Amino acid sequence: MSMRSECKNFESRTYASGDTVRKCNLDLAPDAPWRCPENCEKYEPRMADVAWAHGSLVPPATPVAPASLDDGTAAAVLDEAEAIINAVFGEVVADMNDKRKNKKKLRDKKKKKDK
């Protein structure tokens, strides 16, 4: 089944560079932007486009689906990439927290020095 653009969880965004992102906001379409799961439990038709600003730009056509979608290798590569990101996520967060703490210590030292 192709991507259900009429689903309320579907999002399409075109950037100034011309790149277009088509995705499921719930991350339930592992083969996005080409197709949604056959019987997605979270599929809900979009009821209305109230107060939406629709542009006149027509997004480019969805790219041709690669053959690797059918043999499972595309999903395997994406799963591996996600595992790598998840593995380093904790380290990145800890590093950012350390940097914030160090900045706070420097600010506190500077405040004490200025008094």
C-alpha atoms as a PDB file:
ATOM      1  CA  MET A   1       0.000   0.000   0.000  1.00  0.00           C
ATOM      2  CA  SER A   2       1.368   3.426  -0.884  1.00  0.00           C
ATOM      3  CA  MET A   3       1.685   6.185   1.737  1.00  0.00           C
ATOM      4  CA  ARG A   4      -1.772   7.261   2.873  1.00  0.00           C
ATOM      5  CA  SER A   5      -1.560  11.013   2.437  1.00  0.00           C
ATOM      6  CA  GLU A   6      -5.146  11.304   3.677  1.00  0.00           C
ATOM      7  CA  CYS A   7      -4.158   9.899   7.116  1.00  0.00           C
ATOM      8  CA  LYS A   8      -3.982  12.454   9.908  1.00  0.00           C
ATOM      9  CA  ASN A   9      -0.584  11.038  10.940  1.00  0.00           C
ATOM     10  CA  PHE A  10       0.975  11.589   7.503  1.00  0.00           C
ATOM     11  CA  GLU A  11       3.177  14.647   7.027  1.00  0.00           C
ATOM     12  CA  SER A  12       4.777  16.029   3.902  1.00  0.00           C
ATOM     13  CA  ARG A  13       7.133  18.979   4.019  1.00  0.00           C
ATOM     14  CA  THR A  14       9.121  20.574   1.210  1.00  0.00           C
ATOM     15  CA  TYR A  15      12.182  22.628   2.145  1.00  0.00           C
ATOM     16  CA  ALA A  16      13.720  25.604   0.330  1.00  0.00           C
ATOM     17  CA  SER A  17      16.407  23.289  -1.055  1.00  0.00           C
ATOM     18  CA  GLY A  18      13.698  21.334  -2.880  1.00  0.00           C
ATOM     19  CA  ASP A  19      14.052  18.290  -0.628  1.00  0.00           C
ATOM     20  CA  THR A  20      10.744  16.776   0.416  1.00  0.00           C
ATOM     21  CA  VAL A  21      10.091  14.690   3.514  1.00  0.00           C
ATOM     22  CA  ARG A  22       7.137  12.312   3.585  1.00  0.00           C
ATOM     23  CA  LYS A  23       6.640  10.487   6.847  1.00  0.00           C
ATOM     24  CA  CYS A  24       4.343   9.010   9.432  1.00  0.00           C
ATOM     25  CA  ASN A  25       4.430  11.209  12.537  1.00  0.00           C
ATOM     26  CA  LEU A  26       3.989   8.086  14.686  1.00  0.00           C
ATOM     27  CA  ASP A  27       6.957   6.358  12.996  1.00  0.00           C
ATOM     28  CA  LEU A  28       4.766   3.417  12.021  1.00  0.00           C
ATOM     29  CA  ALA A  29       5.731   3.342   8.335  1.00  0.00           C
ATOM     30  CA  PRO A  30       9.168   1.717   8.148  1.00  0.00           C
ATOM     31  CA  ASP A  31       9.053   1.884   4.348  1.00  0.00           C
ATOM     32  CA  ALA A  32       8.265   5.624   4.204  1.00  0.00           C
ATOM     33  CA  PRO A  33       8.123   7.520   1.888  1.00  0.00           C
ATOM     34  CA  TRP A  34       7.011   4.649  -0.344  1.00  0.00           C
ATOM     35  CA  ARG A  35       4.391   2.780   1.600  1.00  0.00           C
ATOM     36  CA  CYS A  36       2.442   2.405   4.834  1.00  0.00           C
ATOM     37  CA  PRO A  37       1.823  -0.918   6.570  1.00  0.00           C
ATOM     38  CA  GLU A  38      -1.072  -2.799   4.975  1.00  0.00           C
ATOM     39  CA  ASN A  39      -3.377  -2.762   8.045  1.00  0.00           C
ATOM     40  CA  CYS A  40      -2.038   0.096  10.162  1.00  0.00           C
ATOM     41  CA  GLU A  41      -3.819   0.191  13.530  1.00  0.00           C
ATOM     42  CA  LYS A  42      -3.333   3.955  13.860  1.00  0.00           C
ATOM     43  CA  TYR A  43      -4.730   4.953  10.454  1.00  0.00           C
ATOM     44  CA  GLU A  44      -7.244   7.767  10.857  1.00  0.00           C
ATOM     45  CA  PRO A  45      -8.616   9.770   7.961  1.00  0.00           C
ATOM     46  CA  ARG A  46      -7.890  13.471   8.149  1.00  0.00           C
ATOM     47  CA  MET A  47     -11.217  15.056   9.045  1.00  0.00           C
ATOM     48  CA  ALA A  48     -10.665  18.669   8.049  1.00  0.00           C
ATOM     49  CA  ASP A  49      -7.936  21.095   7.174  1.00  0.00           C
ATOM     50  CA  VAL A  50      -9.269  23.866   9.436  1.00  0.00           C
ATOM     51  CA  ALA A  51      -7.051  26.952   9.689  1.00  0.00           C
ATOM     52  CA  TRP A  52      -4.297  25.395   7.606  1.00  0.00           C
ATOM     53  CA  ALA A  53      -2.256  27.513   5.259  1.00  0.00           C
ATOM     54  CA  HIS A  54      -1.914  25.662   1.958  1.00  0.00           C
ATOM     55  CA  GLY A  55       0.857  26.806  -0.321  1.00  0.00           C
ATOM     56  CA  SER A  56       0.770  26.781  -4.075  1.00  0.00           C
ATOM     57  CA  LEU A  57       3.956  24.740  -4.363  1.00  0.00           C
ATOM     58  CA  VAL A  58       3.366  21.222  -5.597  1.00  0.00           C
ATOM     59  CA  PRO A  59       5.752  18.768  -3.943  1.00  0.00           C
ATOM     60  CA  PRO A  60       7.806  16.576  -6.255  1.00  0.00           C
ATOM     61  CA  ALA A  61       6.539  13.094  -6.976  1.00  0.00           C
ATOM     62  CA  THR A  62       7.401  10.322  -4.560  1.00  0.00           C
ATOM     63  CA  PRO A  63      10.644   8.683  -5.696  1.00  0.00           C
ATOM     64  CA  VAL A  64      10.500   5.243  -7.253  1.00  0.00           C
ATOM     65  CA  ALA A  65      10.581   2.558  -4.589  1.00  0.00           C
ATOM     66  CA  PRO A  66      13.881   0.642  -4.509  1.00  0.00           C
ATOM     67  CA  ALA A  67      13.871  -3.123  -4.939  1.00  0.00           C
ATOM     68  CA  SER A  68      15.387  -3.474  -1.460  1.00  0.00           C
ATOM     69  CA  LEU A  69      11.969  -2.669   0.031  1.00  0.00           C
ATOM     70  CA  ASP A  70      10.677  -6.048  -1.029  1.00  0.00           C
ATOM     71  CA  ASP A  71      13.629  -8.157   0.095  1.00  0.00           C
ATOM     72  CA  GLY A  72      13.933  -6.526   3.553  1.00  0.00           C
ATOM     73  CA  THR A  73      17.453  -5.125   3.163  1.00  0.00           C
ATOM     74  CA  ALA A  74      16.281  -1.489   3.335  1.00  0.00           C
ATOM     75  CA  ALA A  75      14.546  -2.111   6.662  1.00  0.00           C
ATOM     76  CA  ALA A  76      17.628  -3.932   7.955  1.00  0.00           C
ATOM     77  CA  VAL A  77      19.889  -0.968   7.092  1.00  0.00           C
ATOM     78  CA  LEU A  78      17.494   1.464   8.766  1.00  0.00           C
ATOM     79  CA  ASP A  79      17.262  -0.748  11.861  1.00  0.00           C
ATOM     80  CA  GLU A  80      21.055  -0.908  12.069  1.00  0.00           C
ATOM     81  CA  ALA A  81      21.341   2.887  11.732  1.00  0.00           C
ATOM     82  CA  GLU A  82      18.740   3.348  14.484  1.00  0.00           C
ATOM     83  CA  ALA A  83      20.653   0.937  16.755  1.00  0.00           C
ATOM     84  CA  ILE A  84      23.879   2.919  16.229  1.00  0.00           C
ATOM     85  CA  ILE A  85      22.156   6.193  17.089  1.00  0.00           C
ATOM     86  CA  ASN A  86      20.486   4.692  20.150  1.00  0.00           C
ATOM     87  CA  ALA A  87      23.828   3.275  21.320  1.00  0.00           C
ATOM     88  CA  VAL A  88      25.553   6.670  21.378  1.00  0.00           C
ATOM     89  CA  PHE A  89      22.538   8.691  22.527  1.00  0.00           C
ATOM     90  CA  GLY A  90      23.276   8.232  26.236  1.00  0.00           C
ATOM     91  CA  GLU A  91      26.896   9.298  25.766  1.00  0.00           C
ATOM     92  CA  VAL A  92      25.891  12.421  23.845  1.00  0.00           C
ATOM     93  CA  VAL A  93      23.353  13.448  26.483  1.00  0.00           C
ATOM     94  CA  ALA A  94      25.883  12.857  29.280  1.00  0.00           C
ATOM     95  CA  ASP A  95      28.485  14.922  27.402  1.00  0.00           C
ATOM     96  CA  MET A  96      26.030  17.778  26.922  1.00  0.00           C
ATOM     97  CA  ASN A  97      25.081  17.694  30.608  1.00  0.00           C
ATOM     98  CA  ASP A  98      28.770  17.793  31.605  1.00  0.00           C
ATOM     99  CA  LYS A  99      29.323  20.838  29.397  1.00  0.00           C
ATOM    100  CA  ARG A 100      26.304  22.582  30.941  1.00  0.00           C
ATOM    101  CA  LYS A 101      27.572  21.845  34.451  1.00  0.00           C
ATOM    102  CA  ASN A 102      31.020  23.168  33.578  1.00  0.00           C
ATOM    103  CA  LYS A 103      29.523  26.374  32.172  1.00  0.00           C
ATOM    104  CA  LYS A 104      27.452  26.820  35.325  1.00  0.00           C
ATOM    105  CA  LYS A 105      30.554  26.328  37.510  1.00  0.00           C
ATOM    106  CA  LEU A 106      32.437  28.932  35.473  1.00  0.00           C
ATOM    107  CA  ARG A 107      29.533  31.395  35.795  1.00  0.00           C
ATOM    108  CA  ASP A 108      29.351  30.801  39.550  1.00  0.00           C
ATOM    109  CA  LYS A 109      33.129  31.338  39.898  1.00  0.00           C
ATOM    110  CA  LYS A 110      32.889  34.543  37.880  1.00  0.00           C
ATOM    111  CA  LYS A 111      30.010  35.813  40.056  1.00  0.00           C
ATOM    112  CA  LYS A 112      31.998  35.120  43.238  1.00  0.00           C
ATOM    113  CA  LYS A 113      35.055  36.803  41.772  1.00  0.00           C
ATOM    114  CA  ASP A 114      33.056  39.913  40.758  1.00  0.00           C
ATOM    115  CA  LYS A 115      31.590  40.359  44.257  1.00  0.00           C
END
